[in-house]
Amino acid sequence: MRVARSEGCENQAFLYDGRVLGLQFHLEFTPQSLAAILPNCAGELVSGKYIQTAAEMQRPDEEFNEMNEAMCGLLDRLAVNQA
């Protein structure tokens, strides 16, 4: 079951069998983890319609907090469904 889509990715997020969650985005990033990974993947950040620049990925801390809260909510929901 698709749970999220975007213009760039029809299956942005999906749930399989009520217990397998696939995401085509990174809710787990923090400012620190993003800063650590950017130097190692700079070559992958080529110009493209759906590819963010490093500057675009470096968001205010509040936005990372919102992403992390969403991730925790998803994981909690999956855990409850498995209990």
PDB file of N, CA and C in Angstrom:
ATOM      1  N   MET A   1       0.842  -1.166   0.000  1.00  0.00           N
ATOM      2  CA  MET A   1       0.000   0.000   0.000  1.00  0.00           C
ATOM      3  C   MET A   1       0.897   1.241   0.000  1.00  0.00           C
ATOM      4  N   ARG A   2       0.679   2.096  -0.957  1.00  0.00           N
ATOM      5  CA  ARG A   2       1.431   3.352  -1.017  1.00  0.00           C
ATOM      6  C   ARG A   2       0.911   4.283   0.073  1.00  0.00           C
ATOM      7  N   VAL A   3       1.830   4.901   0.801  1.00  0.00           N
ATOM      8  CA  VAL A   3       1.432   5.853   1.840  1.00  0.00           C
ATOM      9  C   VAL A   3       1.932   7.267   1.556  1.00  0.00           C
ATOM     10  N   ALA A   4       2.822   7.408   0.557  1.00  0.00           N
ATOM     11  CA  ALA A   4       3.269   8.740   0.156  1.00  0.00           C
ATOM     12  C   ALA A   4       3.771   8.679  -1.279  1.00  0.00           C
ATOM     13  N   ARG A   5       3.557   9.775  -1.979  1.00  0.00           N
ATOM     14  CA  ARG A   5       4.041   9.903  -3.357  1.00  0.00           C
ATOM     15  C   ARG A   5       4.479  11.332  -3.564  1.00  0.00           C
ATOM     16  N   SER A   6       5.237  11.536  -4.608  1.00  0.00           N
ATOM     17  CA  SER A   6       5.665  12.883  -4.966  1.00  0.00           C
ATOM     18  C   SER A   6       5.763  12.961  -6.479  1.00  0.00           C
ATOM     19  N   GLU A   7       5.975  14.146  -6.976  1.00  0.00           N
ATOM     20  CA  GLU A   7       6.130  14.322  -8.421  1.00  0.00           C
ATOM     21  C   GLU A   7       7.330  13.521  -8.933  1.00  0.00           C
ATOM     22  N   GLY A   8       8.377  13.457  -8.134  1.00  0.00           N
ATOM     23  CA  GLY A   8       9.595  12.783  -8.558  1.00  0.00           C
ATOM     24  C   GLY A   8       9.629  11.294  -8.299  1.00  0.00           C
ATOM     25  N   CYS A   9       8.742  10.798  -7.427  1.00  0.00           N
ATOM     26  CA  CYS A   9       8.775   9.375  -7.058  1.00  0.00           C
ATOM     27  C   CYS A   9       7.362   8.908  -6.726  1.00  0.00           C
ATOM     28  N   GLU A  10       6.806   8.088  -7.586  1.00  0.00           N
ATOM     29  CA  GLU A  10       5.427   7.610  -7.400  1.00  0.00           C
ATOM     30  C   GLU A  10       5.267   6.839  -6.094  1.00  0.00           C
ATOM     31  N   ASN A  11       6.262   6.058  -5.730  1.00  0.00           N
ATOM     32  CA  ASN A  11       6.222   5.282  -4.479  1.00  0.00           C
ATOM     33  C   ASN A  11       7.216   5.870  -3.487  1.00  0.00           C
ATOM     34  N   GLN A  12       6.906   7.034  -2.979  1.00  0.00           N
ATOM     35  CA  GLN A  12       7.788   7.730  -2.043  1.00  0.00           C
ATOM     36  C   GLN A  12       7.867   6.982  -0.710  1.00  0.00           C
ATOM     37  N   ALA A  13       6.764   6.361  -0.319  1.00  0.00           N
ATOM     38  CA  ALA A  13       6.734   5.530   0.886  1.00  0.00           C
ATOM     39  C   ALA A  13       5.645   4.485   0.689  1.00  0.00           C
ATOM     40  N   PHE A  14       5.920   3.277   1.195  1.00  0.00           N
ATOM     41  CA  PHE A  14       4.924   2.220   1.054  1.00  0.00           C
ATOM     42  C   PHE A  14       4.979   1.291   2.249  1.00  0.00           C
ATOM     43  N   LEU A  15       3.860   0.645   2.493  1.00  0.00           N
ATOM     44  CA  LEU A  15       3.725  -0.313   3.582  1.00  0.00           C
ATOM     45  C   LEU A  15       3.322  -1.648   2.976  1.00  0.00           C
ATOM     46  N   TYR A  16       4.040  -2.696   3.346  1.00  0.00           N
ATOM     47  CA  TYR A  16       3.761  -4.031   2.833  1.00  0.00           C
ATOM     48  C   TYR A  16       3.362  -4.930   3.988  1.00  0.00           C
ATOM     49  N   ASP A  17       2.243  -5.579   3.841  1.00  0.00           N
ATOM     50  CA  ASP A  17       1.776  -6.561   4.826  1.00  0.00           C
ATOM     51  C   ASP A  17       1.640  -5.964   6.225  1.00  0.00           C
ATOM     52  N   GLY A  18       1.424  -4.652   6.303  1.00  0.00           N
ATOM     53  CA  GLY A  18       1.204  -4.008   7.588  1.00  0.00           C
ATOM     54  C   GLY A  18       2.419  -3.964   8.493  1.00  0.00           C
ATOM     55  N   ARG A  19       3.580  -4.443   8.007  1.00  0.00           N
ATOM     56  CA  ARG A  19       4.745  -4.486   8.899  1.00  0.00           C
ATOM     57  C   ARG A  19       6.075  -4.172   8.234  1.00  0.00           C
ATOM     58  N   VAL A  20       6.084  -3.967   6.946  1.00  0.00           N
ATOM     59  CA  VAL A  20       7.318  -3.598   6.245  1.00  0.00           C
ATOM     60  C   VAL A  20       7.112  -2.205   5.654  1.00  0.00           C
ATOM     61  N   LEU A  21       7.935  -1.275   6.089  1.00  0.00           N
ATOM     62  CA  LEU A  21       7.816   0.116   5.659  1.00  0.00           C
ATOM     63  C   LEU A  21       9.005   0.459   4.780  1.00  0.00           C
ATOM     64  N   GLY A  22       8.731   0.963   3.585  1.00  0.00           N
ATOM     65  CA  GLY A  22       9.780   1.411   2.673  1.00  0.00           C
ATOM     66  C   GLY A  22       9.684   2.905   2.477  1.00  0.00           C
ATOM     67  N   LEU A  23      10.785   3.600   2.662  1.00  0.00           N
ATOM     68  CA  LEU A  23      10.819   5.057   2.526  1.00  0.00           C
ATOM     69  C   LEU A  23      11.866   5.461   1.502  1.00  0.00           C
ATOM     70  N   GLN A  24      11.541   6.406   0.654  1.00  0.00           N
ATOM     71  CA  GLN A  24      12.478   6.961  -0.312  1.00  0.00           C
ATOM     72  C   GLN A  24      12.885   8.371   0.138  1.00  0.00           C
ATOM     73  N   PHE A  25      13.080   8.522   1.435  1.00  0.00           N
ATOM     74  CA  PHE A  25      13.534   9.778   2.018  1.00  0.00           C
ATOM     75  C   PHE A  25      14.123   9.454   3.375  1.00  0.00           C
ATOM     76  N   HIS A  26      14.794  10.406   3.980  1.00  0.00           N
ATOM     77  CA  HIS A  26      15.572  10.131   5.193  1.00  0.00           C
ATOM     78  C   HIS A  26      15.059  10.920   6.388  1.00  0.00           C
ATOM     79  N   LEU A  27      14.152  10.317   7.126  1.00  0.00           N
ATOM     80  CA  LEU A  27      13.640  10.947   8.346  1.00  0.00           C
ATOM     81  C   LEU A  27      14.629  10.832   9.498  1.00  0.00           C
ATOM     82  N   GLU A  28      15.628   9.961   9.349  1.00  0.00           N
ATOM     83  CA  GLU A  28      16.569   9.711  10.446  1.00  0.00           C
ATOM     84  C   GLU A  28      17.697  10.740  10.527  1.00  0.00           C
ATOM     85  N   PHE A  29      17.863  11.557   9.493  1.00  0.00           N
ATOM     86  CA  PHE A  29      18.972  12.513   9.504  1.00  0.00           C
ATOM     87  C   PHE A  29      18.828  13.524  10.621  1.00  0.00           C
ATOM     88  N   THR A  30      19.958  13.887  11.174  1.00  0.00           N
ATOM     89  CA  THR A  30      20.081  14.997  12.126  1.00  0.00           C
ATOM     90  C   THR A  30      21.061  15.979  11.502  1.00  0.00           C
ATOM     91  N   PRO A  31      21.161  17.183  12.016  1.00  0.00           N
ATOM     92  CA  PRO A  31      22.167  18.099  11.464  1.00  0.00           C
ATOM     93  C   PRO A  31      23.574  17.488  11.510  1.00  0.00           C
ATOM     94  N   GLN A  32      23.865  16.749  12.581  1.00  0.00           N
ATOM     95  CA  GLN A  32      25.189  16.153  12.738  1.00  0.00           C
ATOM     96  C   GLN A  32      25.423  15.010  11.741  1.00  0.00           C
ATOM     97  N   SER A  33      24.440  14.143  11.561  1.00  0.00           N
ATOM     98  CA  SER A  33      24.632  13.027  10.630  1.00  0.00           C
ATOM     99  C   SER A  33      24.695  13.522   9.189  1.00  0.00           C
ATOM    100  N   LEU A  34      23.928  14.549   8.867  1.00  0.00           N
ATOM    101  CA  LEU A  34      23.993  15.115   7.518  1.00  0.00           C
ATOM    102  C   LEU A  34      25.359  15.747   7.277  1.00  0.00           C
ATOM    103  N   ALA A  35      25.863  16.483   8.248  1.00  0.00           N
ATOM    104  CA  ALA A  35      27.180  17.104   8.106  1.00  0.00           C
ATOM    105  C   ALA A  35      28.268  16.047   7.943  1.00  0.00           C
ATOM    106  N   ALA A  36      28.099  14.892   8.577  1.00  0.00           N
ATOM    107  CA  ALA A  36      29.095  13.827   8.476  1.00  0.00           C
ATOM    108  C   ALA A  36      29.051  13.132   7.123  1.00  0.00           C
ATOM    109  N   ILE A  37      27.871  13.010   6.533  1.00  0.00           N
ATOM    110  CA  ILE A  37      27.747  12.260   5.287  1.00  0.00           C
ATOM    111  C   ILE A  37      27.990  13.117   4.039  1.00  0.00           C
ATOM    112  N   LEU A  38      27.697  14.386   4.098  1.00  0.00           N
ATOM    113  CA  LEU A  38      27.819  15.241   2.912  1.00  0.00           C
ATOM    114  C   LEU A  38      29.203  15.194   2.252  1.00  0.00           C
ATOM    115  N   PRO A  39      30.292  15.266   3.003  1.00  0.00           N
ATOM    116  CA  PRO A  39      31.600  15.220   2.336  1.00  0.00           C
ATOM    117  C   PRO A  39      31.842  13.894   1.591  1.00  0.00           C
ATOM    118  N   ASN A  40      31.204  12.830   2.020  1.00  0.00           N
ATOM    119  CA  ASN A  40      31.419  11.519   1.415  1.00  0.00           C
ATOM    120  C   ASN A  40      30.536  11.255   0.204  1.00  0.00           C
ATOM    121  N   CYS A  41      29.504  12.033   0.015  1.00  0.00           N
ATOM    122  CA  CYS A  41      28.614  11.787  -1.122  1.00  0.00           C
ATOM    123  C   CYS A  41      28.467  13.023  -2.009  1.00  0.00           C
ATOM    124  N   ALA A  42      29.379  13.945  -1.889  1.00  0.00           N
ATOM    125  CA  ALA A  42      29.292  15.178  -2.671  1.00  0.00           C
ATOM    126  C   ALA A  42      29.237  14.898  -4.170  1.00  0.00           C
ATOM    127  N   GLY A  43      29.909  13.855  -4.628  1.00  0.00           N
ATOM    128  CA  GLY A  43      29.910  13.524  -6.043  1.00  0.00           C
ATOM    129  C   GLY A  43      28.562  13.058  -6.557  1.00  0.00           C
ATOM    130  N   GLU A  44      27.689  12.618  -5.667  1.00  0.00           N
ATOM    131  CA  GLU A  44      26.356  12.168  -6.058  1.00  0.00           C
ATOM    132  C   GLU A  44      25.369  13.320  -6.183  1.00  0.00           C
ATOM    133  N   LEU A  45      25.721  14.472  -5.677  1.00  0.00           N
ATOM    134  CA  LEU A  45      24.826  15.623  -5.698  1.00  0.00           C
ATOM    135  C   LEU A  45      24.986  16.393  -6.997  1.00  0.00           C
ATOM    136  N   VAL A  46      24.591  15.761  -8.064  1.00  0.00           N
ATOM    137  CA  VAL A  46      24.658  16.376  -9.385  1.00  0.00           C
ATOM    138  C   VAL A  46      23.413  17.236  -9.602  1.00  0.00           C
ATOM    139  N   SER A  47      23.481  18.118 -10.544  1.00  0.00           N
ATOM    140  CA  SER A  47      22.340  18.965 -10.842  1.00  0.00           C
ATOM    141  C   SER A  47      21.210  18.134 -11.446  1.00  0.00           C
ATOM    142  N   GLY A  48      20.018  18.291 -10.917  1.00  0.00           N
ATOM    143  CA  GLY A  48      18.869  17.572 -11.440  1.00  0.00           C
ATOM    144  C   GLY A  48      17.587  18.097 -10.838  1.00  0.00           C
ATOM    145  N   LYS A  49      16.503  17.857 -11.535  1.00  0.00           N
ATOM    146  CA  LYS A  49      15.206  18.386 -11.122  1.00  0.00           C
ATOM    147  C   LYS A  49      14.818  17.957  -9.709  1.00  0.00           C
ATOM    148  N   TYR A  50      15.136  16.728  -9.329  1.00  0.00           N
ATOM    149  CA  TYR A  50      14.704  16.203  -8.035  1.00  0.00           C
ATOM    150  C   TYR A  50      15.865  15.956  -7.082  1.00  0.00           C
ATOM    151  N   ILE A  51      17.010  16.556  -7.349  1.00  0.00           N
ATOM    152  CA  ILE A  51      18.175  16.365  -6.491  1.00  0.00           C
ATOM    153  C   ILE A  51      18.448  17.661  -5.745  1.00  0.00           C
ATOM    154  N   GLN A  52      18.429  17.588  -4.426  1.00  0.00           N
ATOM    155  CA  GLN A  52      18.694  18.765  -3.610  1.00  0.00           C
ATOM    156  C   GLN A  52      20.189  19.050  -3.559  1.00  0.00           C
ATOM    157  N   THR A  53      20.520  20.300  -3.416  1.00  0.00           N
ATOM    158  CA  THR A  53      21.910  20.683  -3.180  1.00  0.00           C
ATOM    159  C   THR A  53      22.211  20.486  -1.696  1.00  0.00           C
ATOM    160  N   ALA A  54      23.485  20.495  -1.367  1.00  0.00           N
ATOM    161  CA  ALA A  54      23.880  20.384   0.044  1.00  0.00           C
ATOM    162  C   ALA A  54      23.254  21.519   0.857  1.00  0.00           C
ATOM    163  N   ALA A  55      23.249  22.708   0.303  1.00  0.00           N
ATOM    164  CA  ALA A  55      22.669  23.861   1.014  1.00  0.00           C
ATOM    165  C   ALA A  55      21.175  23.660   1.267  1.00  0.00           C
ATOM    166  N   GLU A  56      20.463  23.079   0.295  1.00  0.00           N
ATOM    167  CA  GLU A  56      19.029  22.840   0.473  1.00  0.00           C
ATOM    168  C   GLU A  56      18.758  21.782   1.545  1.00  0.00           C
ATOM    169  N   MET A  57      19.672  20.834   1.692  1.00  0.00           N
ATOM    170  CA  MET A  57      19.493  19.782   2.706  1.00  0.00           C
ATOM    171  C   MET A  57      19.767  20.284   4.115  1.00  0.00           C
ATOM    172  N   GLN A  58      20.589  21.310   4.232  1.00  0.00           N
ATOM    173  CA  GLN A  58      20.948  21.827   5.549  1.00  0.00           C
ATOM    174  C   GLN A  58      19.868  22.783   6.021  1.00  0.00           C
ATOM    175  N   ARG A  59      18.917  22.220   6.725  1.00  0.00           N
ATOM    176  CA  ARG A  59      17.722  22.940   7.156  1.00  0.00           C
ATOM    177  C   ARG A  59      17.884  23.423   8.603  1.00  0.00           C
ATOM    178  N   PRO A  60      16.995  24.287   9.037  1.00  0.00           N
ATOM    179  CA  PRO A  60      17.016  24.662  10.460  1.00  0.00           C
ATOM    180  C   PRO A  60      16.789  23.435  11.343  1.00  0.00           C
ATOM    181  N   ASP A  61      17.366  23.461  12.524  1.00  0.00           N
ATOM    182  CA  ASP A  61      17.240  22.329  13.447  1.00  0.00           C
ATOM    183  C   ASP A  61      15.790  21.932  13.685  1.00  0.00           C
ATOM    184  N   GLU A  62      14.875  22.896  13.697  1.00  0.00           N
ATOM    185  CA  GLU A  62      13.464  22.598  13.952  1.00  0.00           C
ATOM    186  C   GLU A  62      12.909  21.638  12.893  1.00  0.00           C
ATOM    187  N   GLU A  63      13.347  21.796  11.657  1.00  0.00           N
ATOM    188  CA  GLU A  63      12.862  20.909  10.598  1.00  0.00           C
ATOM    189  C   GLU A  63      13.399  19.491  10.782  1.00  0.00           C
ATOM    190  N   PHE A  64      14.647  19.365  11.232  1.00  0.00           N
ATOM    191  CA  PHE A  64      15.177  18.036  11.538  1.00  0.00           C
ATOM    192  C   PHE A  64      14.398  17.414  12.692  1.00  0.00           C
ATOM    193  N   ASN A  65      14.067  18.223  13.694  1.00  0.00           N
ATOM    194  CA  ASN A  65      13.285  17.718  14.824  1.00  0.00           C
ATOM    195  C   ASN A  65      11.929  17.200  14.353  1.00  0.00           C
ATOM    196  N   GLU A  66      11.280  17.905  13.453  1.00  0.00           N
ATOM    197  CA  GLU A  66       9.983  17.469  12.921  1.00  0.00           C
ATOM    198  C   GLU A  66      10.128  16.158  12.157  1.00  0.00           C
ATOM    199  N   MET A  67      11.189  16.042  11.355  1.00  0.00           N
ATOM    200  CA  MET A  67      11.416  14.796  10.605  1.00  0.00           C
ATOM    201  C   MET A  67      11.655  13.639  11.559  1.00  0.00           C
ATOM    202  N   ASN A  68      12.469  13.865  12.591  1.00  0.00           N
ATOM    203  CA  ASN A  68      12.770  12.808  13.552  1.00  0.00           C
ATOM    204  C   ASN A  68      11.533  12.407  14.346  1.00  0.00           C
ATOM    205  N   GLU A  69      10.689  13.361  14.691  1.00  0.00           N
ATOM    206  CA  GLU A  69       9.434  13.050  15.388  1.00  0.00           C
ATOM    207  C   GLU A  69       8.518  12.223  14.495  1.00  0.00           C
ATOM    208  N   ALA A  70       8.466  12.557  13.206  1.00  0.00           N
ATOM    209  CA  ALA A  70       7.656  11.771  12.271  1.00  0.00           C
ATOM    210  C   ALA A  70       8.177  10.342  12.186  1.00  0.00           C
ATOM    211  N   MET A  71       9.505  10.173  12.147  1.00  0.00           N
ATOM    212  CA  MET A  71      10.090   8.837  12.100  1.00  0.00           C
ATOM    213  C   MET A  71       9.728   8.046  13.357  1.00  0.00           C
ATOM    214  N   CYS A  72       9.856   8.663  14.504  1.00  0.00           N
ATOM    215  CA  CYS A  72       9.525   7.977  15.756  1.00  0.00           C
ATOM    216  C   CYS A  72       8.049   7.589  15.782  1.00  0.00           C
ATOM    217  N   GLY A  73       7.189   8.470  15.306  1.00  0.00           N
ATOM    218  CA  GLY A  73       5.764   8.155  15.241  1.00  0.00           C
ATOM    219  C   GLY A  73       5.483   6.970  14.338  1.00  0.00           C
ATOM    220  N   LEU A  74       6.139   6.914  13.180  1.00  0.00           N
ATOM    221  CA  LEU A  74       5.971   5.773  12.274  1.00  0.00           C
ATOM    222  C   LEU A  74       6.439   4.483  12.923  1.00  0.00           C
ATOM    223  N   LEU A  75       7.609   4.527  13.550  1.00  0.00           N
ATOM    224  CA  LEU A  75       8.144   3.322  14.178  1.00  0.00           C
ATOM    225  C   LEU A  75       7.282   2.876  15.351  1.00  0.00           C
ATOM    226  N   ASP A  76       6.806   3.834  16.142  1.00  0.00           N
ATOM    227  CA  ASP A  76       5.917   3.484  17.256  1.00  0.00           C
ATOM    228  C   ASP A  76       4.632   2.828  16.744  1.00  0.00           C
ATOM    229  N   ARG A  77       4.105   3.365  15.678  1.00  0.00           N
ATOM    230  CA  ARG A  77       2.869   2.809  15.107  1.00  0.00           C
ATOM    231  C   ARG A  77       3.094   1.376  14.599  1.00  0.00           C
ATOM    232  N   LEU A  78       4.222   1.149  13.948  1.00  0.00           N
ATOM    233  CA  LEU A  78       4.538  -0.204  13.492  1.00  0.00           C
ATOM    234  C   LEU A  78       4.706  -1.152  14.675  1.00  0.00           C
ATOM    235  N   ALA A  79       5.371  -0.680  15.742  1.00  0.00           N
ATOM    236  CA  ALA A  79       5.589  -1.511  16.922  1.00  0.00           C
ATOM    237  C   ALA A  79       4.270  -1.895  17.577  1.00  0.00           C
ATOM    238  N   VAL A  80       3.347  -0.954  17.669  1.00  0.00           N
ATOM    239  CA  VAL A  80       2.038  -1.225  18.272  1.00  0.00           C
ATOM    240  C   VAL A  80       1.276  -2.237  17.442  1.00  0.00           C
ATOM    241  N   ASN A  81       1.362  -2.118  16.131  1.00  0.00           N
ATOM    242  CA  ASN A  81       0.662  -3.050  15.240  1.00  0.00           C
ATOM    243  C   ASN A  81       1.227  -4.455  15.318  1.00  0.00           C
ATOM    244  N   GLN A  82       2.473  -4.589  15.773  1.00  0.00           N
ATOM    245  CA  GLN A  82       3.092  -5.907  15.858  1.00  0.00           C
ATOM    246  C   GLN A  82       2.890  -6.549  17.227  1.00  0.00           C
ATOM    247  N   ALA A  83       2.463  -5.774  18.187  1.00  0.00           N
ATOM    248  CA  ALA A  83       2.297  -6.300  19.559  1.00  0.00           C
ATOM    249  C   ALA A  83       1.093  -7.214  19.665  1.00  0.00           C
TER     250      ALA A  83
END
